[in-house]
């Protein structure tokens, strides 16, 4: 019985060491909600939106970039950058927004 518990414990430790994209699934629906709250002032975040800043790319355009990955977008959202306001997003919120943008890729 102890061997079984050791095996389970080893599996849990190994799983905890996986990258965030594998260990925690991002929620694109939650990302859409967050994007409408935080990003829609500047970006067109969905097809129903009528207005945004002219000098920023719509989310659909970001999703279609050849080098797009949700991981890259999430990392970008976490790091402060001068062109965008510094939003207090958690890693999971950034991953959710990135998953939403990825869902727009067609």
Protein backbone atom coordinates (compact mmCIF):
# COMPACT_ATOMS: atom_id res chain seq x y z
CA UNK A 1 0.00 0.00 0.00
CA UNK A 2 2.87 2.39 0.77
CA UNK A 3 4.24 1.84 -2.72
CA UNK A 4 0.92 2.94 -4.20
CA UNK A 5 0.97 6.16 -2.17
CA UNK A 6 4.57 6.85 -3.19
CA UNK A 7 3.61 6.35 -6.83
CA UNK A 8 0.65 8.71 -6.50
CA UNK A 9 2.78 11.29 -4.73
CA UNK A 10 5.42 11.08 -7.48
CA UNK A 11 2.71 11.54 -10.11
CA UNK A 12 1.33 14.61 -8.32
CA UNK A 13 4.78 16.16 -8.03
CA UNK A 14 5.53 15.46 -11.70
CA UNK A 15 2.20 16.94 -12.77
CA UNK A 16 2.77 20.07 -10.68
CA UNK A 17 6.00 20.63 -12.59
CA UNK A 18 4.29 20.81 -15.97
CA UNK A 19 4.07 24.13 -17.76
CA UNK A 20 1.09 26.35 -16.96
CA UNK A 21 -0.53 25.64 -20.32
CA UNK A 22 -0.67 21.92 -19.57
CA UNK A 23 -1.34 22.01 -15.86
CA UNK A 24 -4.09 24.63 -15.99
CA UNK A 25 -6.60 24.93 -18.81
CA UNK A 26 -7.42 28.45 -19.88
CA UNK A 27 -11.06 29.49 -20.20
CA UNK A 28 -11.79 31.32 -23.47
CA UNK A 29 -15.31 32.25 -22.33
CA UNK A 30 -13.93 33.90 -19.21
CA UNK A 31 -11.31 35.53 -21.43
CA UNK A 32 -14.07 37.06 -23.57
CA UNK A 33 -15.68 38.54 -20.48
CA UNK A 34 -12.36 39.93 -19.27
CA UNK A 35 -11.50 41.31 -22.73
CA UNK A 36 -14.80 43.15 -22.91
CA UNK A 37 -14.09 44.69 -19.50
CA UNK A 38 -10.38 45.50 -19.85
CA UNK A 39 -9.54 45.65 -23.55
CA UNK A 40 -12.59 46.90 -25.48
CA UNK A 41 -11.78 50.55 -24.81
CA UNK A 42 -8.91 50.29 -27.29
CA UNK A 43 -9.31 46.97 -29.18
CA UNK A 44 -12.21 45.53 -31.10
CA UNK A 45 -12.61 42.35 -29.07
CA UNK A 46 -15.60 40.80 -30.88
CA UNK A 47 -17.69 41.21 -34.01
CA UNK A 48 -20.53 42.98 -32.19
CA UNK A 49 -18.32 45.86 -31.05
CA UNK A 50 -18.79 49.06 -33.04
CA UNK A 51 -16.01 51.33 -31.77
CA UNK A 52 -12.37 51.17 -30.65
CA UNK A 53 -9.12 53.08 -31.15
CA UNK A 54 -8.09 53.25 -34.77
CA UNK A 55 -4.39 52.70 -34.10
CA UNK A 56 -4.61 49.36 -32.27
CA UNK A 57 -5.20 45.97 -33.88
CA UNK A 58 -8.50 44.14 -33.41
CA UNK A 59 -8.24 40.86 -31.53
CA UNK A 60 -9.13 38.92 -34.70
CA UNK A 61 -6.09 40.44 -36.43
CA UNK A 62 -3.83 39.54 -33.50
CA UNK A 63 -5.13 35.96 -33.64
CA UNK A 64 -4.29 35.68 -37.35
CA UNK A 65 -0.64 36.69 -36.99
CA UNK A 66 1.60 33.86 -38.22
CA UNK A 67 3.64 33.81 -35.01
CA UNK A 68 0.58 33.90 -32.70
CA UNK A 69 0.56 31.59 -29.71
CA UNK A 70 -1.64 31.90 -26.62
CA UNK A 71 1.47 31.52 -24.44
CA UNK A 72 3.18 34.46 -26.14
CA UNK A 73 0.10 36.69 -25.78
CA UNK A 74 -0.37 35.72 -22.11
CA UNK A 75 3.28 36.54 -21.35
CA UNK A 76 2.90 39.87 -23.17
CA UNK A 77 -0.17 40.73 -21.09
CA UNK A 78 1.62 39.99 -17.80
CA UNK A 79 4.64 42.17 -18.55
CA UNK A 80 4.19 45.95 -18.31
CA UNK A 81 4.68 47.71 -21.64
CA UNK A 82 4.52 51.39 -22.52
CA UNK A 83 1.90 51.24 -25.27
CA UNK A 84 -0.79 49.72 -23.06
CA UNK A 85 -2.16 50.55 -19.63
CA UNK A 86 -0.85 48.37 -16.84
CA UNK A 87 -3.81 46.14 -15.96
CA UNK A 88 -3.59 44.06 -12.79
CA UNK A 89 -4.17 40.71 -14.54
CA UNK A 90 -3.33 37.45 -12.85
CA UNK A 91 -1.57 34.74 -14.86
CA UNK A 92 -4.81 32.81 -15.21
CA UNK A 93 -6.69 35.92 -16.40
CA UNK A 94 -3.98 36.63 -18.98
CA UNK A 95 -4.16 32.99 -20.11
CA UNK A 96 -7.96 33.26 -20.38
CA UNK A 97 -7.72 36.39 -22.55
CA UNK A 98 -5.05 34.74 -24.70
CA UNK A 99 -7.28 31.66 -25.09
CA UNK A 100 -10.13 33.90 -26.18
CA UNK A 101 -7.94 35.62 -28.77
CA UNK A 102 -6.81 32.18 -29.96
CA UNK A 103 -10.45 31.16 -30.38
CA UNK A 104 -10.79 33.94 -32.98
CA UNK A 105 -8.12 32.36 -35.17
CA UNK A 106 -9.81 31.09 -38.35
